[in-house]
Amino acid sequence: MNSSSWNMRDVPPSQRFAYWREAVCQNYLPLEPQALSNGCFDGSLRSISTDCLHVSRIKTVAQAVYRTRSGIATLADGSFFANLQVAGEAIVEQHGNRMRAQAGDIVLVDTDQPFSIRFEQGCDIVCATIPGDRLRRHQRQISRRPTNVISGQSAGRLAAAYLDALANIPDDFELLDDLASDQLCALLVRATALDQPLTDSRADHHHTAQRILKFIENELHNPHLSAKYACHHLNISRSYLFAALSSVGVAFATYVRQERLKRSLNQIKDPRYAGLPLGEIAPRWGFSSQETFNRAFRKHYGVPPGAYRFNADAVPR
């Protein structure tokens, strides 16, 4: 049985987040923590690990944790994280779902798949790392997408109570770890067999859509901007990206093309750029070639960009 304890008491403020990243990497699989505030990072982690179960109590200021495809490629062991939300709330994204967990709920994530968990009000959780074979077999048998938040009802309430009890790790835990792992897994299987809300609220969709649109705005100059590129950098699934944008009446490719053309048109119209060759405007707004820009401009506005520069009235207002 191995135990460890990490805290910031004797760590200089400038080194605290690097210290925290090291704590996360040593205690779990390759994860990517991110501080969500500009203030001094603070947190603590206490864990115990046996052959069957790893349990930890984690408290930090606002942070996010990401499990990326590169981290999965580095090391994947098939495990699940079952996090009891002791206080505050968490926002979890996985399998195209985006859900909120309140105090008393359990966040359940498959570490073999990308996910993100945001603790915008600070993190206070009990985390159990459990073997995933049984849970994964169960998830394959259900027709809907797996849920990531188990509310405190029936089996979910018992699983939460079990995790809460594990937070006070006994000295003889090694004698009970196999039993604890089996019982916790059985409770989670039973809890996830019940109907759970699978999609986020309309407000959450709208919030994510604004994040996506802001990302697009900042990346319009990038010729590599695509739905896949956005999903990778925002750490969301393609299905969730399209669902969020659909909630505000936006299609990804159409929006990118229209915004690039709008900014190109504004630059062509601007007297300050009268001497700027059209061939330099196209790459400024992410068009892969002058030919691609000319085709898109003519299709959208009815005239090629050169014709517009010499006759601004040619383009409808």
Foldseek 3Di string as FASTA:
>chain_A
DDKDKDWCPPPPQVCVVVSVLVVDVVQDQNKDKAAPDPDRKTKMKIWDDDPFKIKMWIWIAWMKIKQAPVSLVVDFDFKKKKKQQQAAKKWKADPLATDMEHHRKIFIDGSNGIMMITRNGIGTIMIMIGHHPVVVVLQVPDDDHFAGIQHCDDLRVVLSVLSVVCNPPDPVVNVCRNVSRVVSVVSVSVRRVDDDDGHDDLVVLQVVQVVLVVVLVVCQLALPDDLVVSCNVVVHDSNNNQVSVVSVPDDVVVVSLVVLLVVLVVLLPDPVCVVPDSQVSCSRRNHPGSVSQQVSNCVVFVHGSVVCSVPVVSGDD
